[in-house]
Amino acid sequence: MTRELLRFHAVTKTFASGQSQLVILEDLDFVLYSGTTVAITGKSGSGKSTLLNIAGGLDKPSAGSISFLGRELGALNDKELSAFRNRHIGFVFQSHILLDDFTALENVCVPALIRGVRQSDAVKRAKELLDRVGLSDRLQHRPQKLSGGERQRVAICRALVNAPDLIIADEPTGSLDEESSSGIEILLTDIVREEGKTLLMVTHDTQLASRCSTVYLLHNRTLQEMA
């Protein structure tokens, strides 16, 4: 049975803009169910990345509440929230944000080691993931020796290494050329489904959005489900 994974309840997010407040999200209600793949589209500056940051516990709403697996994220202190993110959420950003001094294998292992997984188990899991994305021959390469598409594949493996409940992806193909972008689109959605995970993604790429089970438009500070 599909369970409720994430819930926004009357979420509002504002930022100071001179003497006034800029409203980015307003009284937003949203439920994300486990096992679904959801894309959020919308114009630049509409608040898509802000929504993802709040969903992932990287930012807090100005009003309203966020619950994840029934836990109120606002009730967690910084240490608890960091541990919660590490266990339950994997992130894939437009810029891969890999550690330059670490190899592909080491980059993928990092979240598992932070969690306290034994190094041998972390390495085994990382190697399995990198093999699944076609990088078994690039394990010892550092990011600067990898192509943009390869770096993003490493980032996807890093997001999955702890088998989190939710993968959050912010314009995962935005910095790639058309050929690399197409490969990452297929890989990301397929591997998330194979792992039985949930995907919440922001993208301007209509082709990538169409690979998701549900598509929302963020417009006028709230979400509208697309037919």
N, C-alpha and C. Protein backbone atom coordinates (compact mmCIF):
# COMPACT_ATOMS: atom_id res chain seq x y z
N MET A 1 0.85 -1.19 0.00
CA MET A 1 0.00 0.00 0.00
C MET A 1 0.89 1.26 0.00
N THR A 2 0.56 2.22 -0.82
CA THR A 2 1.33 3.46 -0.89
C THR A 2 1.16 4.25 0.40
N ARG A 3 2.26 4.70 0.95
CA ARG A 3 2.20 5.46 2.19
C ARG A 3 2.56 6.92 1.93
N GLU A 4 2.10 7.76 2.82
CA GLU A 4 2.44 9.17 2.73
C GLU A 4 3.89 9.35 3.18
N LEU A 5 4.68 9.96 2.33
CA LEU A 5 6.09 10.15 2.65
C LEU A 5 6.36 11.56 3.16
N LEU A 6 5.84 12.55 2.44
CA LEU A 6 6.14 13.95 2.73
C LEU A 6 4.87 14.77 2.62
N ARG A 7 4.67 15.70 3.57
CA ARG A 7 3.49 16.56 3.52
C ARG A 7 3.87 18.01 3.84
N PHE A 8 3.46 18.90 2.94
CA PHE A 8 3.51 20.33 3.20
C PHE A 8 2.12 20.73 3.69
N HIS A 9 2.06 21.43 4.82
CA HIS A 9 0.77 21.90 5.33
C HIS A 9 0.82 23.42 5.46
N ALA A 10 0.06 24.11 4.60
CA ALA A 10 -0.06 25.57 4.64
C ALA A 10 1.30 26.26 4.68
N VAL A 11 2.20 25.78 3.82
CA VAL A 11 3.58 26.31 3.82
C VAL A 11 3.65 27.65 3.09
N THR A 12 4.23 28.61 3.76
CA THR A 12 4.52 29.92 3.17
C THR A 12 6.00 30.20 3.35
N LYS A 13 6.62 30.76 2.32
CA LYS A 13 8.03 31.14 2.41
C LYS A 13 8.18 32.56 1.89
N THR A 14 8.75 33.42 2.71
CA THR A 14 8.99 34.81 2.31
C THR A 14 10.45 35.16 2.52
N PHE A 15 10.91 36.14 1.74
CA PHE A 15 12.26 36.67 1.90
C PHE A 15 12.16 38.19 1.99
N ALA A 16 13.05 38.78 2.77
CA ALA A 16 13.08 40.24 2.87
C ALA A 16 13.54 40.84 1.54
N SER A 17 12.82 41.86 1.09
CA SER A 17 13.17 42.56 -0.15
C SER A 17 13.03 44.06 0.12
N GLY A 18 14.14 44.65 0.54
CA GLY A 18 14.09 46.05 0.93
C GLY A 18 13.26 46.21 2.19
N GLN A 19 12.25 47.07 2.13
CA GLN A 19 11.38 47.30 3.26
C GLN A 19 10.16 46.38 3.27
N SER A 20 10.05 45.53 2.25
CA SER A 20 8.88 44.65 2.14
C SER A 20 9.30 43.18 2.16
N GLN A 21 8.32 42.31 2.09
CA GLN A 21 8.54 40.87 2.07
C GLN A 21 8.16 40.31 0.69
N LEU A 22 9.05 39.52 0.12
CA LEU A 22 8.79 38.85 -1.15
C LEU A 22 8.23 37.47 -0.85
N VAL A 23 7.01 37.21 -1.30
CA VAL A 23 6.36 35.91 -1.03
C VAL A 23 6.70 34.95 -2.16
N ILE A 24 7.37 33.85 -1.82
CA ILE A 24 7.79 32.86 -2.81
C ILE A 24 6.78 31.71 -2.88
N LEU A 25 6.38 31.19 -1.73
CA LEU A 25 5.36 30.15 -1.63
C LEU A 25 4.30 30.66 -0.66
N GLU A 26 3.03 30.34 -0.95
CA GLU A 26 1.97 30.87 -0.10
C GLU A 26 0.91 29.83 0.20
N ASP A 27 0.78 29.49 1.49
CA ASP A 27 -0.29 28.60 1.96
C ASP A 27 -0.36 27.33 1.11
N LEU A 28 0.80 26.73 0.87
CA LEU A 28 0.90 25.59 -0.04
C LEU A 28 0.66 24.28 0.69
N ASP A 29 -0.26 23.48 0.18
CA ASP A 29 -0.50 22.13 0.66
C ASP A 29 -0.06 21.15 -0.43
N PHE A 30 0.68 20.13 -0.02
CA PHE A 30 1.22 19.18 -0.99
C PHE A 30 1.54 17.87 -0.27
N VAL A 31 1.17 16.75 -0.89
CA VAL A 31 1.47 15.43 -0.33
C VAL A 31 2.23 14.62 -1.37
N LEU A 32 3.33 14.01 -0.94
CA LEU A 32 4.13 13.15 -1.80
C LEU A 32 4.06 11.73 -1.25
N TYR A 33 3.68 10.80 -2.10
CA TYR A 33 3.53 9.41 -1.67
C TYR A 33 4.75 8.57 -2.08
N SER A 34 5.06 7.58 -1.28
CA SER A 34 6.22 6.73 -1.55
C SER A 34 6.05 5.99 -2.87
N GLY A 35 7.17 5.81 -3.56
CA GLY A 35 7.17 5.08 -4.81
C GLY A 35 6.76 5.87 -6.02
N THR A 36 6.46 7.15 -5.84
CA THR A 36 6.05 7.98 -6.98
C THR A 36 7.24 8.77 -7.52
N THR A 37 7.11 9.22 -8.76
CA THR A 37 8.10 10.11 -9.36
C THR A 37 7.37 11.39 -9.75
N VAL A 38 7.81 12.49 -9.18
CA VAL A 38 7.09 13.76 -9.33
C VAL A 38 8.05 14.83 -9.87
N ALA A 39 7.61 15.50 -10.92
CA ALA A 39 8.37 16.61 -11.49
C ALA A 39 7.65 17.92 -11.23
N ILE A 40 8.41 18.95 -10.90
CA ILE A 40 7.86 20.29 -10.71
C ILE A 40 8.49 21.21 -11.75
N THR A 41 7.65 21.85 -12.51
CA THR A 41 8.11 22.78 -13.54
C THR A 41 7.63 24.19 -13.20
N GLY A 42 8.09 25.17 -13.96
CA GLY A 42 7.67 26.54 -13.72
C GLY A 42 8.74 27.50 -14.20
N LYS A 43 8.39 28.75 -14.29
CA LYS A 43 9.31 29.77 -14.76
C LYS A 43 10.47 29.95 -13.79
N SER A 44 11.59 30.44 -14.31
CA SER A 44 12.72 30.78 -13.45
C SER A 44 12.28 31.82 -12.43
N GLY A 45 12.68 31.62 -11.18
CA GLY A 45 12.32 32.55 -10.13
C GLY A 45 10.97 32.30 -9.50
N SER A 46 10.30 31.21 -9.91
CA SER A 46 8.97 30.93 -9.37
C SER A 46 9.02 30.26 -7.99
N GLY A 47 10.21 29.82 -7.57
CA GLY A 47 10.33 29.23 -6.23
C GLY A 47 10.54 27.73 -6.23
N LYS A 48 10.86 27.15 -7.38
CA LYS A 48 10.99 25.69 -7.46
C LYS A 48 12.12 25.17 -6.56
N SER A 49 13.28 25.79 -6.65
CA SER A 49 14.40 25.33 -5.83
C SER A 49 14.14 25.57 -4.35
N THR A 50 13.46 26.68 -4.04
CA THR A 50 13.09 26.95 -2.65
C THR A 50 12.21 25.85 -2.10
N LEU A 51 11.25 25.40 -2.91
CA LEU A 51 10.36 24.31 -2.51
C LEU A 51 11.17 23.04 -2.22
N LEU A 52 12.13 22.71 -3.11
CA LEU A 52 12.95 21.52 -2.90
C LEU A 52 13.79 21.64 -1.65
N ASN A 53 14.36 22.82 -1.42
CA ASN A 53 15.20 23.01 -0.23
C ASN A 53 14.38 22.82 1.05
N ILE A 54 13.15 23.27 1.04
CA ILE A 54 12.28 23.07 2.20
C ILE A 54 11.93 21.59 2.35
N ALA A 55 11.61 20.94 1.23
CA ALA A 55 11.27 19.50 1.27
C ALA A 55 12.43 18.67 1.81
N GLY A 56 13.66 19.09 1.48
CA GLY A 56 14.83 18.34 1.92
C GLY A 56 15.39 18.76 3.25
N GLY A 57 14.72 19.67 3.93
CA GLY A 57 15.20 20.11 5.23
C GLY A 57 16.42 21.01 5.16
N LEU A 58 16.71 21.57 3.98
CA LEU A 58 17.83 22.50 3.83
C LEU A 58 17.41 23.93 4.15
N ASP A 59 16.13 24.18 4.17
CA ASP A 59 15.58 25.49 4.48
C ASP A 59 14.29 25.28 5.27
N LYS A 60 13.84 26.32 5.95
CA LYS A 60 12.64 26.21 6.77
C LYS A 60 11.56 27.14 6.23
N PRO A 61 10.31 26.75 6.32
CA PRO A 61 9.23 27.64 5.88
C PRO A 61 9.07 28.81 6.84
N SER A 62 8.55 29.91 6.32
CA SER A 62 8.27 31.07 7.17
C SER A 62 7.02 30.82 8.00
N ALA A 63 6.12 30.01 7.46
CA ALA A 63 4.90 29.61 8.16
C ALA A 63 4.48 28.25 7.62
N GLY A 64 3.68 27.53 8.41
CA GLY A 64 3.26 26.20 8.01
C GLY A 64 4.21 25.14 8.53
N SER A 65 4.01 23.91 8.10
CA SER A 65 4.81 22.80 8.63
C SER A 65 5.11 21.77 7.55
N ILE A 66 6.19 21.01 7.78
CA ILE A 66 6.62 19.93 6.91
C ILE A 66 6.73 18.67 7.74
N SER A 67 6.08 17.61 7.31
CA SER A 67 6.27 16.32 7.97
C SER A 67 6.82 15.32 6.98
N PHE A 68 7.73 14.48 7.46
CA PHE A 68 8.39 13.48 6.63
C PHE A 68 8.32 12.17 7.39
N LEU A 69 7.65 11.18 6.80
CA LEU A 69 7.41 9.90 7.48
C LEU A 69 6.79 10.13 8.85
N GLY A 70 5.91 11.13 8.91
CA GLY A 70 5.18 11.41 10.14
C GLY A 70 5.94 12.26 11.15
N ARG A 71 7.21 12.60 10.85
CA ARG A 71 8.00 13.41 11.78
C ARG A 71 7.96 14.86 11.34
N GLU A 72 7.74 15.73 12.28
CA GLU A 72 7.71 17.16 12.02
C GLU A 72 9.15 17.67 11.93
N LEU A 73 9.57 18.09 10.73
CA LEU A 73 10.96 18.49 10.55
C LEU A 73 11.31 19.71 11.38
N GLY A 74 10.33 20.59 11.60
CA GLY A 74 10.58 21.79 12.39
C GLY A 74 10.90 21.50 13.84
N ALA A 75 10.59 20.29 14.30
CA ALA A 75 10.85 19.93 15.69
C ALA A 75 12.26 19.38 15.90
N LEU A 76 13.00 19.18 14.81
CA LEU A 76 14.35 18.62 14.91
C LEU A 76 15.38 19.73 15.04
N ASN A 77 16.39 19.51 15.90
CA ASN A 77 17.48 20.47 15.96
C ASN A 77 18.44 20.21 14.79
N ASP A 78 19.45 21.05 14.63
CA ASP A 78 20.33 20.96 13.46
C ASP A 78 21.02 19.60 13.36
N LYS A 79 21.48 19.06 14.47
CA LYS A 79 22.16 17.76 14.46
C LYS A 79 21.20 16.66 14.07
N GLU A 80 20.00 16.69 14.64
CA GLU A 80 19.00 15.67 14.32
C GLU A 80 18.57 15.76 12.86
N LEU A 81 18.44 16.98 12.36
CA LEU A 81 18.02 17.19 10.98
C LEU A 81 19.09 16.70 10.01
N SER A 82 20.35 16.94 10.32
CA SER A 82 21.44 16.46 9.46
C SER A 82 21.45 14.94 9.40
N ALA A 83 21.26 14.30 10.55
CA ALA A 83 21.23 12.83 10.58
C ALA A 83 20.01 12.30 9.84
N PHE A 84 18.90 12.99 9.96
CA PHE A 84 17.67 12.59 9.26
C PHE A 84 17.85 12.68 7.75
N ARG A 85 18.42 13.78 7.28
CA ARG A 85 18.69 13.93 5.85
C ARG A 85 19.63 12.85 5.35
N ASN A 86 20.67 12.58 6.10
CA ASN A 86 21.65 11.58 5.69
C ASN A 86 21.02 10.20 5.52
N ARG A 87 20.08 9.88 6.38
CA ARG A 87 19.45 8.55 6.36
C ARG A 87 18.32 8.47 5.34
N HIS A 88 17.54 9.52 5.20
CA HIS A 88 16.28 9.40 4.46
C HIS A 88 16.24 10.12 3.11
N ILE A 89 17.20 11.03 2.83
CA ILE A 89 17.11 11.85 1.63
C ILE A 89 18.44 11.84 0.87
N GLY A 90 18.36 11.67 -0.44
CA GLY A 90 19.53 11.80 -1.30
C GLY A 90 19.33 12.99 -2.23
N PHE A 91 20.40 13.75 -2.48
CA PHE A 91 20.29 14.96 -3.28
C PHE A 91 21.11 14.85 -4.56
N VAL A 92 20.51 15.31 -5.66
CA VAL A 92 21.22 15.45 -6.93
C VAL A 92 20.99 16.88 -7.40
N PHE A 93 22.06 17.65 -7.52
CA PHE A 93 21.95 19.05 -7.91
C PHE A 93 22.39 19.26 -9.35
N GLN A 94 22.07 20.44 -9.89
CA GLN A 94 22.50 20.76 -11.25
C GLN A 94 24.02 20.72 -11.35
N SER A 95 24.67 21.31 -10.37
CA SER A 95 26.11 21.19 -10.25
C SER A 95 26.39 20.01 -9.32
N HIS A 96 27.16 19.06 -9.78
CA HIS A 96 27.31 17.77 -9.09
C HIS A 96 27.78 17.89 -7.65
N ILE A 97 28.56 18.92 -7.32
CA ILE A 97 29.10 19.16 -5.97
C ILE A 97 29.86 17.93 -5.46
N LEU A 98 30.70 17.37 -6.31
CA LEU A 98 31.59 16.29 -5.87
C LEU A 98 32.84 16.88 -5.23
N LEU A 99 33.49 16.09 -4.40
CA LEU A 99 34.72 16.52 -3.73
C LEU A 99 35.88 16.31 -4.69
N ASP A 100 36.57 17.38 -5.06
CA ASP A 100 37.60 17.32 -6.09
C ASP A 100 38.77 16.40 -5.74
N ASP A 101 39.09 16.30 -4.45
CA ASP A 101 40.25 15.51 -4.04
C ASP A 101 39.92 14.04 -3.82
N PHE A 102 38.65 13.68 -4.01
CA PHE A 102 38.21 12.30 -3.82
C PHE A 102 37.95 11.64 -5.17
N THR A 103 38.19 10.34 -5.24
CA THR A 103 37.86 9.58 -6.45
C THR A 103 36.35 9.41 -6.55
N ALA A 104 35.90 8.91 -7.71
CA ALA A 104 34.47 8.64 -7.88
C ALA A 104 33.98 7.69 -6.80
N LEU A 105 34.74 6.64 -6.53
CA LEU A 105 34.35 5.66 -5.51
C LEU A 105 34.27 6.32 -4.14
N GLU A 106 35.26 7.11 -3.80
CA GLU A 106 35.28 7.76 -2.49
C GLU A 106 34.12 8.74 -2.35
N ASN A 107 33.82 9.49 -3.40
CA ASN A 107 32.70 10.42 -3.36
C ASN A 107 31.39 9.71 -3.05
N VAL A 108 31.18 8.57 -3.68
CA VAL A 108 29.93 7.83 -3.46
C VAL A 108 29.87 7.28 -2.04
N CYS A 109 31.01 6.90 -1.50
CA CYS A 109 31.05 6.31 -0.15
C CYS A 109 30.77 7.31 0.97
N VAL A 110 31.02 8.59 0.73
CA VAL A 110 31.00 9.59 1.80
C VAL A 110 29.72 9.55 2.65
N PRO A 111 28.50 9.62 2.06
CA PRO A 111 27.30 9.62 2.92
C PRO A 111 27.18 8.37 3.79
N ALA A 112 27.61 7.22 3.24
CA ALA A 112 27.52 5.98 4.01
C ALA A 112 28.50 6.00 5.18
N LEU A 113 29.68 6.51 4.96
CA LEU A 113 30.67 6.58 6.03
C LEU A 113 30.24 7.56 7.11
N ILE A 114 29.63 8.68 6.69
CA ILE A 114 29.09 9.64 7.67
C ILE A 114 28.02 8.97 8.52
N ARG A 115 27.24 8.13 7.89
CA ARG A 115 26.17 7.44 8.61
C ARG A 115 26.72 6.41 9.61
N GLY A 116 27.95 5.96 9.40
CA GLY A 116 28.55 4.98 10.29
C GLY A 116 28.61 3.58 9.72
N VAL A 117 28.35 3.45 8.42
CA VAL A 117 28.44 2.15 7.75
C VAL A 117 29.91 1.72 7.71
N ARG A 118 30.17 0.43 7.89
CA ARG A 118 31.54 -0.07 7.79
C ARG A 118 32.11 0.23 6.42
N GLN A 119 33.39 0.56 6.37
CA GLN A 119 34.00 0.96 5.11
C GLN A 119 33.86 -0.12 4.04
N SER A 120 34.05 -1.37 4.42
CA SER A 120 33.95 -2.45 3.43
C SER A 120 32.55 -2.54 2.85
N ASP A 121 31.53 -2.33 3.67
CA ASP A 121 30.15 -2.37 3.19
C ASP A 121 29.85 -1.15 2.32
N ALA A 122 30.38 0.01 2.71
CA ALA A 122 30.17 1.22 1.92
C ALA A 122 30.81 1.09 0.54
N VAL A 123 32.01 0.54 0.50
CA VAL A 123 32.72 0.36 -0.77
C VAL A 123 31.98 -0.64 -1.65
N LYS A 124 31.48 -1.71 -1.07
CA LYS A 124 30.74 -2.71 -1.84
C LYS A 124 29.49 -2.10 -2.48
N ARG A 125 28.73 -1.37 -1.69
CA ARG A 125 27.50 -0.72 -2.19
C ARG A 125 27.85 0.31 -3.27
N ALA A 126 28.88 1.10 -3.04
CA ALA A 126 29.28 2.13 -4.00
C ALA A 126 29.71 1.51 -5.32
N LYS A 127 30.48 0.44 -5.26
CA LYS A 127 30.92 -0.24 -6.48
C LYS A 127 29.74 -0.81 -7.25
N GLU A 128 28.77 -1.36 -6.54
CA GLU A 128 27.57 -1.91 -7.20
C GLU A 128 26.82 -0.82 -7.95
N LEU A 129 26.65 0.33 -7.31
CA LEU A 129 25.94 1.44 -7.94
C LEU A 129 26.70 1.99 -9.14
N LEU A 130 28.00 2.18 -8.98
CA LEU A 130 28.80 2.71 -10.08
C LEU A 130 28.83 1.76 -11.27
N ASP A 131 28.80 0.47 -10.98
CA ASP A 131 28.73 -0.51 -12.06
C ASP A 131 27.40 -0.41 -12.80
N ARG A 132 26.32 -0.19 -12.04
CA ARG A 132 24.98 -0.09 -12.65
C ARG A 132 24.86 1.12 -13.57
N VAL A 133 25.64 2.17 -13.31
CA VAL A 133 25.57 3.36 -14.17
C VAL A 133 26.71 3.40 -15.19
N GLY A 134 27.41 2.27 -15.34
CA GLY A 134 28.42 2.15 -16.37
C GLY A 134 29.75 2.80 -16.06
N LEU A 135 30.08 2.91 -14.78
CA LEU A 135 31.33 3.58 -14.40
C LEU A 135 32.29 2.65 -13.65
N SER A 136 32.17 1.36 -13.86
CA SER A 136 33.04 0.42 -13.15
C SER A 136 34.51 0.60 -13.50
N ASP A 137 34.78 1.20 -14.67
CA ASP A 137 36.17 1.44 -15.08
C ASP A 137 36.66 2.84 -14.71
N ARG A 138 35.84 3.58 -13.96
CA ARG A 138 36.20 4.96 -13.62
C ARG A 138 36.24 5.17 -12.10
N LEU A 139 36.31 4.08 -11.35
CA LEU A 139 36.22 4.16 -9.89
C LEU A 139 37.29 5.06 -9.27
N GLN A 140 38.49 5.02 -9.82
CA GLN A 140 39.61 5.75 -9.22
C GLN A 140 39.86 7.11 -9.87
N HIS A 141 38.96 7.52 -10.74
CA HIS A 141 39.11 8.83 -11.39
C HIS A 141 38.53 9.93 -10.50
N ARG A 142 39.23 11.04 -10.40
CA ARG A 142 38.72 12.20 -9.69
C ARG A 142 37.79 12.99 -10.61
N PRO A 143 36.92 13.85 -10.04
CA PRO A 143 35.91 14.55 -10.84
C PRO A 143 36.46 15.27 -12.07
N GLN A 144 37.63 15.90 -11.92
CA GLN A 144 38.18 16.67 -13.04
C GLN A 144 38.58 15.78 -14.23
N LYS A 145 38.67 14.48 -14.01
CA LYS A 145 38.99 13.54 -15.08
C LYS A 145 37.74 12.89 -15.68
N LEU A 146 36.58 13.30 -15.21
CA LEU A 146 35.31 12.75 -15.69
C LEU A 146 34.57 13.78 -16.53
N SER A 147 33.76 13.30 -17.47
CA SER A 147 32.91 14.20 -18.25
C SER A 147 31.76 14.70 -17.39
N GLY A 148 31.03 15.69 -17.90
CA GLY A 148 29.89 16.21 -17.14
C GLY A 148 28.85 15.14 -16.87
N GLY A 149 28.55 14.32 -17.87
CA GLY A 149 27.59 13.24 -17.68
C GLY A 149 28.07 12.20 -16.69
N GLU A 150 29.38 11.91 -16.72
CA GLU A 150 29.93 10.94 -15.77
C GLU A 150 29.87 11.49 -14.35
N ARG A 151 30.18 12.76 -14.19
CA ARG A 151 30.11 13.36 -12.84
C ARG A 151 28.68 13.30 -12.30
N GLN A 152 27.70 13.52 -13.16
CA GLN A 152 26.33 13.49 -12.69
C GLN A 152 25.90 12.07 -12.35
N ARG A 153 26.45 11.08 -13.05
CA ARG A 153 26.17 9.68 -12.69
C ARG A 153 26.75 9.34 -11.33
N VAL A 154 27.95 9.86 -11.05
CA VAL A 154 28.54 9.67 -9.72
C VAL A 154 27.64 10.31 -8.66
N ALA A 155 27.13 11.51 -8.95
CA ALA A 155 26.26 12.20 -8.01
C ALA A 155 24.98 11.41 -7.74
N ILE A 156 24.44 10.76 -8.77
CA ILE A 156 23.24 9.94 -8.59
C ILE A 156 23.56 8.75 -7.69
N CYS A 157 24.71 8.12 -7.91
CA CYS A 157 25.11 7.00 -7.06
C CYS A 157 25.30 7.44 -5.61
N ARG A 158 25.91 8.60 -5.43
CA ARG A 158 26.09 9.14 -4.06
C ARG A 158 24.74 9.36 -3.39
N ALA A 159 23.76 9.86 -4.15
CA ALA A 159 22.44 10.10 -3.59
C ALA A 159 21.75 8.81 -3.17
N LEU A 160 22.10 7.71 -3.83
CA LEU A 160 21.42 6.43 -3.58
C LEU A 160 22.16 5.52 -2.60
N VAL A 161 23.39 5.86 -2.24
CA VAL A 161 24.23 4.91 -1.51
C VAL A 161 23.63 4.50 -0.17
N ASN A 162 22.92 5.38 0.51
CA ASN A 162 22.31 5.03 1.80
C ASN A 162 20.90 4.47 1.66
N ALA A 163 20.50 4.16 0.41
CA ALA A 163 19.14 3.67 0.14
C ALA A 163 18.09 4.55 0.81
N PRO A 164 18.13 5.87 0.55
CA PRO A 164 17.18 6.79 1.19
C PRO A 164 15.77 6.60 0.66
N ASP A 165 14.80 7.11 1.40
CA ASP A 165 13.41 7.01 0.96
C ASP A 165 13.12 7.94 -0.20
N LEU A 166 13.79 9.10 -0.22
CA LEU A 166 13.47 10.14 -1.20
C LEU A 166 14.73 10.64 -1.89
N ILE A 167 14.65 10.75 -3.22
CA ILE A 167 15.69 11.40 -4.00
C ILE A 167 15.15 12.76 -4.44
N ILE A 168 15.87 13.82 -4.10
CA ILE A 168 15.52 15.18 -4.52
C ILE A 168 16.52 15.62 -5.58
N ALA A 169 16.00 16.00 -6.73
CA ALA A 169 16.87 16.38 -7.85
C ALA A 169 16.49 17.77 -8.34
N ASP A 170 17.46 18.67 -8.36
CA ASP A 170 17.23 20.06 -8.78
C ASP A 170 17.91 20.30 -10.12
N GLU A 171 17.13 20.34 -11.19
CA GLU A 171 17.64 20.52 -12.55
C GLU A 171 18.84 19.60 -12.82
N PRO A 172 18.66 18.29 -12.67
CA PRO A 172 19.80 17.36 -12.77
C PRO A 172 20.47 17.32 -14.13
N THR A 173 19.79 17.77 -15.18
CA THR A 173 20.39 17.77 -16.52
C THR A 173 20.68 19.18 -17.02
N GLY A 174 20.50 20.17 -16.16
CA GLY A 174 20.57 21.57 -16.59
C GLY A 174 21.91 22.01 -17.11
N SER A 175 23.01 21.37 -16.68
CA SER A 175 24.34 21.80 -17.10
C SER A 175 24.96 20.88 -18.14
N LEU A 176 24.15 19.94 -18.68
CA LEU A 176 24.69 18.94 -19.59
C LEU A 176 24.30 19.22 -21.03
N ASP A 177 25.10 18.70 -21.97
CA ASP A 177 24.73 18.81 -23.38
C ASP A 177 23.58 17.85 -23.68
N GLU A 178 23.01 17.96 -24.86
CA GLU A 178 21.79 17.21 -25.19
C GLU A 178 21.99 15.71 -25.07
N GLU A 179 23.11 15.20 -25.57
CA GLU A 179 23.35 13.76 -25.53
C GLU A 179 23.50 13.25 -24.10
N SER A 180 24.32 13.94 -23.30
CA SER A 180 24.51 13.55 -21.90
C SER A 180 23.20 13.68 -21.13
N SER A 181 22.45 14.75 -21.41
CA SER A 181 21.18 15.00 -20.74
C SER A 181 20.21 13.86 -20.94
N SER A 182 20.11 13.38 -22.19
CA SER A 182 19.20 12.29 -22.50
C SER A 182 19.56 11.03 -21.72
N GLY A 183 20.86 10.73 -21.63
CA GLY A 183 21.29 9.55 -20.89
C GLY A 183 20.99 9.64 -19.41
N ILE A 184 21.19 10.82 -18.82
CA ILE A 184 20.94 11.01 -17.39
C ILE A 184 19.44 10.94 -17.10
N GLU A 185 18.62 11.47 -18.00
CA GLU A 185 17.16 11.40 -17.83
C GLU A 185 16.70 9.96 -17.65
N ILE A 186 17.13 9.11 -18.57
CA ILE A 186 16.73 7.71 -18.54
C ILE A 186 17.30 7.02 -17.31
N LEU A 187 18.58 7.26 -17.03
CA LEU A 187 19.25 6.62 -15.91
C LEU A 187 18.59 6.98 -14.59
N LEU A 188 18.37 8.28 -14.35
CA LEU A 188 17.84 8.73 -13.07
C LEU A 188 16.47 8.14 -12.79
N THR A 189 15.56 8.25 -13.74
CA THR A 189 14.20 7.74 -13.50
C THR A 189 14.18 6.22 -13.40
N ASP A 190 14.99 5.55 -14.22
CA ASP A 190 15.00 4.09 -14.20
C ASP A 190 15.59 3.55 -12.90
N ILE A 191 16.71 4.11 -12.47
CA ILE A 191 17.37 3.58 -11.27
C ILE A 191 16.56 3.87 -10.01
N VAL A 192 15.86 5.02 -9.99
CA VAL A 192 15.00 5.32 -8.85
C VAL A 192 13.87 4.29 -8.77
N ARG A 193 13.28 3.96 -9.91
CA ARG A 193 12.21 2.95 -9.92
C ARG A 193 12.74 1.57 -9.55
N GLU A 194 13.93 1.22 -10.07
CA GLU A 194 14.51 -0.09 -9.75
C GLU A 194 14.79 -0.22 -8.26
N GLU A 195 15.21 0.87 -7.65
CA GLU A 195 15.52 0.86 -6.21
C GLU A 195 14.26 0.98 -5.36
N GLY A 196 13.12 1.23 -5.99
CA GLY A 196 11.88 1.37 -5.25
C GLY A 196 11.80 2.65 -4.45
N LYS A 197 12.45 3.71 -4.95
CA LYS A 197 12.51 4.97 -4.22
C LYS A 197 11.52 5.98 -4.78
N THR A 198 11.45 7.12 -4.12
CA THR A 198 10.57 8.21 -4.52
C THR A 198 11.43 9.34 -5.07
N LEU A 199 10.97 9.96 -6.14
CA LEU A 199 11.72 11.04 -6.77
C LEU A 199 10.90 12.31 -6.77
N LEU A 200 11.49 13.39 -6.26
CA LEU A 200 10.90 14.73 -6.34
C LEU A 200 11.91 15.60 -7.06
N MET A 201 11.53 16.09 -8.23
CA MET A 201 12.50 16.73 -9.11
C MET A 201 11.97 18.04 -9.67
N VAL A 202 12.85 19.02 -9.73
CA VAL A 202 12.58 20.26 -10.44
C VAL A 202 13.30 20.21 -11.77
N THR A 203 12.59 20.52 -12.84
CA THR A 203 13.22 20.54 -14.16
C THR A 203 12.47 21.48 -15.09
N HIS A 204 13.21 22.08 -16.02
CA HIS A 204 12.58 22.85 -17.09
C HIS A 204 12.48 21.99 -18.35
N ASP A 205 13.03 20.77 -18.28
CA ASP A 205 13.07 19.86 -19.43
C ASP A 205 11.76 19.09 -19.52
N THR A 206 10.94 19.41 -20.50
CA THR A 206 9.63 18.76 -20.62
C THR A 206 9.75 17.27 -20.88
N GLN A 207 10.80 16.87 -21.58
CA GLN A 207 10.99 15.44 -21.86
C GLN A 207 11.28 14.68 -20.59
N LEU A 208 12.13 15.25 -19.75
CA LEU A 208 12.45 14.63 -18.47
C LEU A 208 11.21 14.60 -17.58
N ALA A 209 10.48 15.70 -17.52
CA ALA A 209 9.26 15.75 -16.70
C ALA A 209 8.26 14.69 -17.13
N SER A 210 8.19 14.42 -18.43
CA SER A 210 7.21 13.45 -18.95
C SER A 210 7.52 12.03 -18.51
N ARG A 211 8.74 11.78 -18.05
CA ARG A 211 9.11 10.45 -17.58
C ARG A 211 8.62 10.20 -16.15
N CYS A 212 8.08 11.25 -15.51
CA CYS A 212 7.60 11.12 -14.13
C CYS A 212 6.10 10.80 -14.12
N SER A 213 5.65 10.18 -13.03
CA SER A 213 4.25 9.76 -12.93
C SER A 213 3.32 10.95 -12.75
N THR A 214 3.81 12.04 -12.14
CA THR A 214 2.98 13.22 -11.92
C THR A 214 3.83 14.47 -12.18
N VAL A 215 3.21 15.46 -12.82
CA VAL A 215 3.90 16.72 -13.10
C VAL A 215 3.08 17.86 -12.52
N TYR A 216 3.76 18.77 -11.79
CA TYR A 216 3.12 19.95 -11.24
C TYR A 216 3.75 21.20 -11.85
N LEU A 217 2.94 22.22 -11.99
CA LEU A 217 3.41 23.54 -12.37
C LEU A 217 3.38 24.43 -11.13
N LEU A 218 4.52 25.05 -10.80
CA LEU A 218 4.55 26.02 -9.71
C LEU A 218 4.27 27.39 -10.31
N HIS A 219 3.11 27.93 -9.97
CA HIS A 219 2.65 29.18 -10.57
C HIS A 219 1.87 29.97 -9.53
N ASN A 220 2.14 31.26 -9.45
CA ASN A 220 1.47 32.12 -8.49
C ASN A 220 1.61 31.58 -7.06
N ARG A 221 2.82 31.09 -6.76
CA ARG A 221 3.20 30.67 -5.40
C ARG A 221 2.55 29.39 -4.92
N THR A 222 1.90 28.63 -5.82
CA THR A 222 1.30 27.38 -5.42
C THR A 222 1.42 26.35 -6.54
N LEU A 223 1.12 25.10 -6.25
CA LEU A 223 1.27 24.00 -7.20
C LEU A 223 -0.04 23.67 -7.89
N GLN A 224 0.06 23.44 -9.18
CA GLN A 224 -1.10 23.01 -9.98
C GLN A 224 -0.73 21.73 -10.71
N GLU A 225 -1.47 20.66 -10.48
CA GLU A 225 -1.18 19.40 -11.16
C GLU A 225 -1.53 19.50 -12.64
N MET A 226 -0.60 19.04 -13.49
CA MET A 226 -0.79 19.09 -14.92
C MET A 226 -1.50 17.83 -15.39
N ALA A 227 -2.37 17.99 -16.38
CA ALA A 227 -3.11 16.84 -16.92
C ALA A 227 -2.17 15.93 -17.67
